[in-house]
Protein backbone atom coordinates (compact mmCIF):
# COMPACT_ATOMS: atom_id res chain seq x y z
CA MET A 1 -44.46 -9.92 -8.25
CA ASP A 2 -44.16 -8.98 -11.99
CA SER A 3 -41.87 -11.68 -13.11
CA MET A 4 -44.58 -14.02 -11.61
CA ASP A 5 -47.56 -12.48 -13.14
CA HIS A 6 -45.83 -12.53 -16.66
CA PRO A 7 -43.48 -15.51 -17.10
CA THR A 8 -43.95 -15.38 -20.81
CA SER A 9 -42.71 -11.86 -21.18
CA THR A 10 -39.89 -12.80 -18.77
CA ARG A 11 -39.03 -15.64 -20.84
CA SER A 12 -39.02 -13.64 -23.90
CA SER A 13 -36.82 -11.03 -22.65
CA ALA A 14 -34.39 -13.69 -21.51
CA ALA A 15 -34.36 -14.93 -24.66
CA ALA A 16 -33.68 -11.49 -26.52
CA THR A 17 -31.14 -11.14 -24.20
CA GLY A 18 -29.68 -14.30 -25.01
CA SER A 19 -29.94 -13.93 -28.77
CA GLU A 20 -28.24 -10.49 -28.34
CA ALA A 21 -25.43 -12.04 -26.30
CA ARG A 22 -24.76 -14.63 -29.03
CA ALA A 23 -24.96 -12.02 -31.73
CA THR A 24 -22.23 -9.68 -29.97
CA PRO A 25 -19.04 -10.95 -31.05
CA LYS A 26 -16.70 -11.82 -28.11
CA PRO A 27 -13.25 -10.66 -28.17
CA ALA A 28 -10.60 -13.10 -28.82
CA ARG A 29 -8.87 -14.77 -25.72
CA GLY A 30 -5.36 -14.69 -25.43
CA ARG A 31 -4.65 -11.91 -28.03
CA ARG A 32 -2.37 -9.30 -26.72
CA PRO A 33 -1.20 -6.06 -28.87
CA VAL A 34 2.24 -6.50 -30.09
CA ALA A 35 4.68 -4.91 -27.88
CA ARG A 36 7.33 -2.75 -29.06
CA SER A 37 10.32 -2.46 -27.00
CA LEU A 38 11.35 0.69 -25.46
CA ARG A 39 15.15 0.30 -26.85
CA PHE A 40 13.67 -0.02 -30.42
CA ARG A 41 11.63 3.14 -29.81
CA LEU A 42 14.41 5.15 -28.52
CA THR A 43 16.88 3.91 -31.42
CA PHE A 44 13.87 4.76 -33.78
CA TRP A 45 13.41 8.35 -32.77
CA TYR A 46 17.38 8.75 -32.60
CA VAL A 47 17.83 7.77 -36.13
CA SER A 48 14.56 9.67 -37.17
CA LEU A 49 15.89 12.90 -35.65
CA LEU A 50 19.50 12.31 -37.34
CA ALA A 51 18.03 11.35 -40.61
CA LEU A 52 16.02 14.36 -40.61
CA ALA A 53 18.86 16.69 -39.85
CA ALA A 54 21.04 15.02 -42.40
CA GLY A 55 18.52 15.23 -44.89
CA ILE A 56 18.08 18.84 -44.45
CA LEU A 57 21.76 19.36 -44.41
CA LEU A 58 22.17 17.62 -47.88
CA ILE A 59 19.28 18.99 -49.61
CA PHE A 60 20.61 22.45 -48.40
CA ILE A 61 24.37 21.62 -50.07
CA ASN A 62 22.79 20.21 -52.99
CA ALA A 63 20.54 23.22 -53.66
CA ALA A 64 23.28 25.60 -53.17
CA ALA A 65 25.56 23.56 -55.42
CA HIS A 66 22.63 23.60 -58.23
CA LEU A 67 22.11 27.08 -57.75
CA ALA A 68 25.36 28.39 -58.28
CA GLY A 69 26.12 30.42 -61.71
CA ILE A 70 26.76 28.71 -65.00
CA PRO A 71 30.44 29.36 -66.22
CA ILE A 72 30.02 31.99 -68.76
CA GLU A 73 33.00 34.03 -69.82
CA THR A 74 33.32 37.23 -72.36
CA ARG A 75 35.20 36.95 -75.54
CA LEU A 76 36.35 39.62 -77.84
CA TYR A 77 35.88 38.88 -81.63
CA PRO A 78 37.49 41.38 -84.34
CA ASP A 79 35.05 42.55 -87.10
CA PRO A 80 36.90 41.65 -90.48
CA THR A 81 34.61 44.35 -92.44
CA THR A 82 34.37 47.12 -90.23
CA GLY A 83 37.53 46.56 -88.21
CA PHE A 84 35.82 46.94 -84.71
CA VAL A 85 36.42 44.57 -81.80
CA TYR A 86 33.10 43.14 -80.38
CA SER A 87 32.59 41.02 -77.28
CA GLN A 88 30.29 37.78 -76.81
CA GLN A 89 29.39 35.81 -73.87
CA VAL A 90 29.99 31.97 -74.35
CA VAL A 91 29.84 28.97 -72.00
CA ASN A 92 32.83 27.32 -71.18
CA GLY A 93 32.42 23.89 -72.29
CA ALA A 94 35.20 22.20 -70.02
CA VAL A 95 34.22 24.23 -66.99
CA ALA A 96 30.53 23.15 -67.27
CA SER A 97 31.63 19.57 -67.92
CA ALA A 98 33.77 19.58 -64.98
CA ARG A 99 30.91 21.18 -62.77
CA ALA A 100 28.36 18.67 -63.77
CA GLN A 101 30.71 15.91 -62.87
CA THR A 102 31.31 17.48 -59.63
CA LEU A 103 27.66 17.71 -59.20
CA GLU A 104 27.09 14.00 -60.01
CA ARG A 105 29.73 12.90 -57.50
CA LEU A 106 28.38 15.47 -54.98
CA GLN A 107 24.82 13.83 -55.08
CA PHE A 108 26.52 10.04 -55.21
CA PHE A 109 28.32 10.84 -52.05
CA SER A 110 25.64 12.67 -50.48
CA ILE A 111 23.21 9.64 -50.98
CA LEU A 112 26.22 7.27 -49.78
CA GLY A 113 27.11 9.39 -46.73
CA PHE A 114 23.27 9.72 -45.86
CA LEU A 115 22.90 5.86 -45.81
CA VAL A 116 26.04 5.20 -44.06
CA LEU A 117 25.09 7.94 -41.22
CA ILE A 118 21.74 6.24 -40.98
CA ALA A 119 23.17 2.95 -40.56
CA GLY A 120 25.75 4.29 -38.07
CA GLY A 121 23.40 6.13 -36.18
CA ALA A 122 21.12 3.11 -35.84
CA ALA A 123 23.94 0.96 -34.46
CA VAL A 124 25.03 3.74 -32.17
CA GLY A 125 21.61 4.37 -31.01
CA SER A 126 20.85 0.84 -30.36
CA VAL A 127 24.14 0.65 -28.14
CA VAL A 128 23.26 4.05 -26.36
CA ALA A 129 19.81 2.82 -25.92
CA GLY A 130 20.80 -0.68 -24.40
CA ARG A 131 23.25 0.86 -21.93
CA ALA A 132 20.87 3.64 -20.83
CA LEU A 133 18.18 0.99 -20.42
CA ARG A 134 20.43 -1.66 -18.48
CA PRO A 135 19.22 -0.68 -15.25
CA ILE A 136 15.59 -1.57 -16.22
CA SER A 137 16.84 -4.89 -17.56
CA GLU A 138 18.41 -5.58 -14.04
CA LEU A 139 15.14 -4.54 -12.25
CA VAL A 140 12.95 -7.05 -14.37
CA ALA A 141 15.47 -9.66 -13.79
CA VAL A 142 15.46 -8.95 -10.02
CA ALA A 143 11.55 -8.43 -9.81
CA ARG A 144 10.91 -11.74 -11.68
CA ARG A 145 13.33 -13.61 -9.01
CA ILE A 146 11.35 -12.21 -6.26
CA SER A 147 8.46 -14.44 -4.95
CA GLY A 148 6.58 -14.89 -1.73
CA ARG A 149 9.22 -16.60 -0.07
CA ASN A 150 12.22 -14.69 -1.46
CA LEU A 151 11.68 -10.99 -0.59
CA LYS A 152 15.30 -10.25 0.68
CA GLU A 153 16.66 -9.41 -2.78
CA ARG A 154 17.33 -5.93 -3.78
CA ILE A 155 18.32 -4.01 -6.92
CA THR A 156 21.57 -1.91 -6.88
CA LEU A 157 21.75 0.98 -9.31
CA ASP A 158 24.70 3.21 -7.99
CA ASP A 159 25.84 3.86 -11.37
CA ALA A 160 22.58 4.73 -12.86
CA ASP A 161 21.14 8.13 -13.64
CA GLU A 162 19.27 9.83 -11.06
CA GLU A 163 15.83 8.88 -12.50
CA LEU A 164 16.59 5.43 -12.88
CA ARG A 165 18.16 5.41 -9.43
CA GLN A 166 15.06 6.90 -8.02
CA LEU A 167 12.93 3.93 -9.74
CA GLY A 168 15.32 1.43 -8.08
CA ASP A 169 14.98 3.15 -4.91
CA ALA A 170 11.26 3.14 -5.02
CA PHE A 171 11.20 -0.56 -6.18
CA ASN A 172 13.46 -1.53 -3.27
CA ASP A 173 11.19 0.47 -0.69
CA MET A 174 8.06 -1.60 -2.28
CA VAL A 175 9.60 -4.69 -1.69
CA ALA A 176 10.82 -3.98 1.76
CA ARG A 177 7.27 -3.15 2.45
CA LEU A 178 6.13 -6.43 0.77
CA ASP A 179 8.68 -8.37 2.91
CA ASP A 180 7.48 -6.81 6.13
CA ALA A 181 3.63 -7.48 5.37
CA PHE A 182 4.56 -11.06 4.39
CA GLU A 183 6.72 -11.38 7.58
CA ARG A 184 3.82 -9.83 9.88
CA GLN A 185 1.26 -12.31 7.97
CA ARG A 186 3.26 -15.25 8.68
CA GLN A 187 3.95 -14.18 12.37
CA PHE A 188 0.06 -13.68 12.70
CA VAL A 189 -0.84 -16.86 11.12
CA GLY A 190 1.50 -18.84 13.15
CA ASP A 191 0.52 -16.80 16.40
CA ALA A 192 -3.19 -17.51 15.80
CA SER A 193 -2.69 -21.39 15.23
CA HIS A 194 -0.56 -21.42 18.21
CA GLU A 195 -3.13 -19.36 20.55
CA LEU A 196 -6.02 -21.83 19.15
CA ARG A 197 -4.17 -25.12 19.55
CA THR A 198 -3.39 -24.29 23.24
CA PRO A 199 -6.97 -24.26 24.42
CA LEU A 200 -8.10 -27.12 21.96
CA THR A 201 -5.07 -29.35 23.41
CA THR A 202 -6.21 -28.61 26.94
CA LEU A 203 -9.81 -29.32 26.09
CA GLN A 204 -8.63 -32.57 24.28
CA ILE A 205 -6.72 -33.82 27.18
CA ALA A 206 -9.33 -32.97 29.75
CA LEU A 207 -12.00 -35.00 27.49
CA ASP A 208 -9.77 -37.76 27.03
CA SER A 209 -8.73 -38.29 30.64
CA VAL A 210 -12.40 -38.80 32.15
CA ARG A 211 -13.27 -40.67 28.58
CA LEU A 212 -10.65 -43.33 29.15
CA ASP A 213 -11.27 -43.55 33.02
CA PRO A 214 -13.58 -46.16 33.89
CA ASP A 215 -13.78 -44.79 37.57
CA ALA A 216 -14.30 -41.23 36.70
CA THR A 217 -16.81 -39.49 39.32
CA LEU A 218 -19.21 -37.02 38.88
CA ASP A 219 -16.67 -34.26 40.34
CA ASP A 220 -14.23 -35.32 37.58
CA TYR A 221 -16.97 -34.69 34.83
CA ARG A 222 -17.73 -31.51 36.67
CA ASN A 223 -13.96 -30.47 36.73
CA VAL A 224 -13.64 -31.41 32.97
CA ALA A 225 -16.85 -29.06 32.34
CA ASP A 226 -15.22 -26.19 34.11
CA ASP A 227 -12.05 -26.55 31.83
CA ALA A 228 -14.09 -27.00 28.85
CA LYS A 229 -15.98 -23.97 29.51
CA ALA A 230 -12.51 -22.01 30.16
CA ALA A 231 -11.20 -23.15 27.02
CA THR A 232 -14.44 -22.22 24.88
CA VAL A 233 -14.54 -18.59 26.33
CA ARG A 234 -10.82 -18.33 25.54
CA ILE A 235 -11.35 -19.50 22.12
CA ARG A 236 -14.69 -17.23 21.53
CA ARG A 237 -12.71 -14.16 22.84
CA LEU A 238 -9.62 -14.88 20.41
CA VAL A 239 -12.15 -15.36 17.32
CA GLU A 240 -13.91 -12.22 18.22
CA ASP A 241 -10.66 -10.22 18.52
CA LEU A 242 -9.52 -11.70 15.23
CA LEU A 243 -12.70 -10.71 13.32
CA ALA A 244 -12.40 -7.23 14.86
CA LEU A 245 -8.91 -6.91 13.52
CA ALA A 246 -10.07 -8.38 10.03
CA GLU A 247 -12.71 -5.90 9.63
CA GLY A 248 -10.71 -3.32 8.22
CA ASP A 249 -12.13 -2.33 4.91
CA THR A 250 -15.87 -1.26 5.95
CA PRO A 251 -16.13 2.32 6.78
CA LEU A 252 -17.47 3.10 10.58
CA PRO A 253 -20.43 4.84 10.69
CA ARG A 254 -19.58 8.64 12.38
CA SER A 255 -21.53 10.76 14.83
CA ARG A 256 -21.15 13.07 17.63
CA VAL A 257 -20.26 10.90 20.77
CA ASP A 258 -20.25 12.30 24.26
CA LEU A 259 -17.24 10.61 25.37
CA SER A 260 -17.89 11.71 29.10
CA SER A 261 -21.27 9.18 29.03
CA LEU A 262 -19.20 6.60 27.04
CA ALA A 263 -16.57 6.65 29.80
CA GLU A 264 -18.82 6.30 32.57
CA ALA A 265 -20.70 3.67 31.03
CA VAL A 266 -17.41 1.60 30.48
CA VAL A 267 -16.35 2.19 34.21
CA GLU A 268 -19.92 0.87 35.21
CA GLU A 269 -19.61 -2.02 33.16
CA MET A 270 -15.86 -2.84 34.36
CA GLU A 271 -16.63 -2.11 38.26
CA PRO A 272 -17.50 -5.75 38.91
CA LEU A 273 -14.34 -7.05 37.40
CA GLY A 274 -12.59 -4.49 39.66
CA GLU A 275 -14.15 -5.53 42.76
CA ARG A 276 -13.33 -9.19 42.26
CA ARG A 277 -9.71 -8.14 41.73
CA GLY A 278 -9.54 -5.51 44.33
CA VAL A 279 -8.99 -2.56 41.97
CA GLN A 280 -11.28 0.54 42.17
CA VAL A 281 -12.11 1.91 38.85
CA MET A 282 -13.15 5.49 38.60
CA CYS A 283 -14.12 8.17 35.70
CA GLY A 284 -12.83 12.00 35.51
CA VAL A 285 -13.97 12.57 32.04
CA SER A 286 -15.68 16.24 31.78
CA PRO A 287 -18.86 16.55 31.04
CA GLY A 288 -19.59 17.72 27.54
CA THR A 289 -16.44 16.40 26.14
CA VAL A 290 -17.73 15.47 22.32
CA VAL A 291 -15.88 13.48 19.54
CA TYR A 292 -16.60 12.49 16.25
CA GLY A 293 -16.53 8.86 15.53
CA ASP A 294 -18.21 5.42 16.08
CA PRO A 295 -19.65 4.77 19.66
CA LEU A 296 -19.25 0.91 19.41
CA SER A 297 -15.73 1.06 18.47
CA LEU A 298 -14.68 3.74 20.93
CA ARG A 299 -16.45 1.84 23.68
CA ARG A 300 -14.63 -1.27 22.82
CA ALA A 301 -11.32 0.52 22.82
CA LEU A 302 -11.97 1.98 26.15
CA THR A 303 -13.28 -1.22 27.52
CA ASN A 304 -10.12 -2.93 26.31
CA LEU A 305 -7.74 -0.28 28.07
CA VAL A 306 -9.80 -0.55 31.32
CA GLU A 307 -9.68 -4.17 31.47
CA ASN A 308 -6.08 -4.24 30.60
CA GLY A 309 -5.61 -1.81 33.60
CA ILE A 310 -7.53 -4.02 36.06
CA ARG A 311 -5.98 -7.36 35.19
CA TYR A 312 -2.38 -6.05 35.30
CA ASN A 313 -2.75 -4.20 38.40
CA ARG A 314 -2.25 -4.94 42.30
CA ASP A 315 -4.78 -5.65 45.00
CA GLY A 316 -5.90 -2.03 46.23
CA GLY A 317 -4.99 -0.30 42.79
CA HIS A 318 -6.64 2.03 40.73
CA VAL A 319 -7.80 2.80 37.11
CA ILE A 320 -8.94 6.15 36.21
CA VAL A 321 -10.59 7.32 32.85
CA GLU A 322 -9.70 10.81 32.61
CA ASP A 323 -9.24 14.06 30.66
CA ALA A 324 -5.65 14.28 28.83
CA GLY A 325 -6.04 17.22 27.09
CA ARG A 326 -7.71 19.06 24.11
CA SER A 327 -7.24 21.34 21.17
CA ALA A 328 -9.17 23.07 18.49
CA ASP A 329 -9.10 19.76 16.58
CA TRP A 330 -8.42 17.02 18.77
CA VAL A 331 -9.60 15.49 22.22
CA GLN A 332 -7.33 13.27 24.49
CA VAL A 333 -8.56 10.79 26.92
CA ALA A 334 -6.19 8.70 29.15
CA VAL A 335 -6.53 5.35 31.13
CA ARG A 336 -4.37 5.54 33.93
CA ASP A 337 -3.47 2.79 36.26
CA ASP A 338 -0.97 2.30 39.47
CA GLY A 339 -0.40 -1.54 38.46
CA ILE A 340 2.85 -3.36 37.48
CA GLY A 341 4.01 -1.30 34.51
CA ILE A 342 5.61 -2.09 31.49
CA PRO A 343 9.52 -2.06 30.87
CA ALA A 344 10.85 0.42 28.64
CA GLU A 345 12.23 -2.17 25.90
CA ASP A 346 8.63 -3.52 25.81
CA GLN A 347 6.54 -0.41 25.30
CA ALA A 348 6.91 0.03 21.65
CA LYS A 349 5.84 -3.80 21.04
CA VAL A 350 2.92 -3.95 23.11
CA PHE A 351 0.64 -2.66 20.35
CA ASP A 352 2.00 -5.70 18.00
CA ARG A 353 -0.49 -8.56 17.56
CA PHE A 354 -0.04 -11.62 20.24
CA TYR A 355 2.88 -9.87 21.77
CA ARG A 356 2.75 -10.40 25.60
CA VAL A 357 5.26 -8.45 28.29
CA ASP A 358 4.45 -11.81 30.67
CA ARG A 359 3.14 -14.77 28.59
CA SER A 360 2.58 -16.94 31.52
CA ARG A 361 0.55 -14.28 33.39
CA SER A 362 -1.27 -13.05 30.20
CA ARG A 363 -2.66 -16.72 29.43
CA ALA A 364 -3.73 -17.26 33.25
CA GLU A 365 -5.50 -13.89 32.99
CA GLY A 366 -7.11 -15.16 29.92
CA GLY A 367 -5.80 -12.52 27.41
CA SER A 368 -5.35 -13.27 23.78
CA GLY A 369 -2.60 -10.60 23.10
CA LEU A 370 -4.80 -8.68 20.46
CA GLY A 371 -6.58 -6.11 22.81
CA LEU A 372 -3.89 -3.35 22.33
CA ALA A 373 -3.85 -4.24 18.68
CA ILE A 374 -7.48 -3.76 18.21
CA VAL A 375 -7.20 -0.27 20.23
CA THR A 376 -4.56 0.94 17.68
CA LYS A 377 -6.81 -0.20 14.82
CA ILE A 378 -9.77 1.64 16.07
CA ALA A 379 -7.69 4.78 16.83
CA ALA A 380 -6.32 4.58 13.21
CA GLU A 381 -9.93 4.11 11.70
CA HIS A 382 -10.96 7.36 13.55
CA GLY A 383 -7.67 9.23 12.26
CA GLY A 384 -6.28 9.44 15.87
CA ARG A 385 -3.55 7.45 17.61
CA ILE A 386 -2.76 5.73 20.98
CA ASP A 387 0.35 6.57 23.02
CA LEU A 388 1.69 4.76 26.04
CA GLN A 389 3.69 6.28 29.20
CA SER A 390 4.65 3.69 31.76
CA GLN A 391 7.12 2.96 34.29
CA PRO A 392 7.72 -0.58 36.00
CA GLY A 393 6.24 -0.71 39.55
CA ILE A 394 4.30 2.72 39.19
CA GLY A 395 1.84 2.38 36.39
CA SER A 396 0.83 2.56 32.97
CA ARG A 397 -0.92 5.63 30.98
CA PHE A 398 -2.52 5.18 27.82
CA VAL A 399 -3.60 8.36 25.69
CA LEU A 400 -5.96 8.02 23.09
CA THR A 401 -6.27 10.90 20.59
CA LEU A 402 -9.58 11.32 18.81
CA PRO A 403 -10.78 14.12 16.19
CA LYS A 404 -13.02 16.66 18.05
CA ALA A 405 -16.73 16.94 16.79
CA PRO A 406 -17.22 19.60 14.60
CA GLY A 407 -18.97 22.98 16.15
CA GLY A 408 -22.56 23.47 15.79
CA ALA A 409 -25.70 21.60 16.90
CA GLY A 410 -25.87 17.97 16.22
CA ARG A 411 -27.41 14.80 17.73
CA LEU A 412 -25.10 13.37 20.59
CA THR A 413 -25.06 9.65 20.20
CA SER A 414 -25.80 7.77 23.60
CA PRO A 415 -23.32 5.44 25.24
CA ALA A 416 -23.12 2.24 22.95
CA PRO A 417 -24.29 -1.23 24.31
CA ALA A 418 -21.50 -3.37 25.70
CA ALA A 419 -19.09 -4.80 23.28
CA PRO A 420 -17.17 -7.94 23.80
CA SER A 421 -14.06 -7.01 25.45
CA SER A 422 -10.48 -8.52 25.53
CA ALA A 423 -7.72 -8.87 27.94
CA ILE A 424 -4.41 -7.57 27.09
CA GLY A 425 -1.33 -9.89 27.17
């Protein structure tokens, strides 16, 4: 409102701001501080310390030589008048001259030795620093050769010092993690493209079949409409799951959640699906089980697990949401079914994105292969985890571990409204 009532003041302030911006000198682009190499600095400090030690030693030697006593000797002379002998101290010229020459030579060779020592120390220091820093040069060379398509190369520093070997190991671990992340990303993009391409291709074939058929009947169009609906539902579910996995940086709202009420709401929501498939859905979570988390995310996780148990069950089977244990800091809830089970070799992979134990059945059931990955993500965001216990032909039991709500009075969050669910493949 102020900017609309006072346009003149707004323009003047903008002009003042512009003038200040023009008056403020901008830093020059492309100018970087001159970088000194580590090898140069190591050599410089090595030579500086060597020069300091040599200089102190030479100063001490020269000072000691100059402080030496003057060559004075005592001579006896007879007095011709009295006949007495008296003594007199005189400087020995020859010795003094030899001493002066010796001091001159000492100074000359001291300066010469100092310069030779500095030059030799610089050469030796450069070689030693180069040998000590050679592993870093190899590390730089490997880092420059690594790219998004070349993450298999590693650096070997077996002969290096312990600190540099630790640096190389840390670098190799970082590259290995990057390689794994890039590989997962490529696999994820490929799987997502394939999953989206399949229903789109089915939809296109169905539409072309009636569009190019001049004798197509109303029933044909209805069949195509049913196929189109199934394809769009599958695409919508896949897109929702992808968005759920992509939302990883936004912090979740946390509150005290009544897990028993939440589980009952999920069971009530899934009962129609269970009745259509001949599976009984039950809730056995004890009242008063309270956790600390986001009710929407927790409801989605339980819904995915219950729906997974229904879709991969047998006629007359059961899916039960029940207590699995608790401690001072944690609460565990399990979703147990007596369905087809999961083979032992596949149990560690079912939480990966787009992984399916039985791909043909998963697609027939409408699963996207992302449900368990979403549950894993939700559990990790809450500081918990998801575990699996399964035997083929007997059933599966997924145990969700969540942080217990802190003690004391607090508002309990009512069951969240139903969120889009996902079948697990």
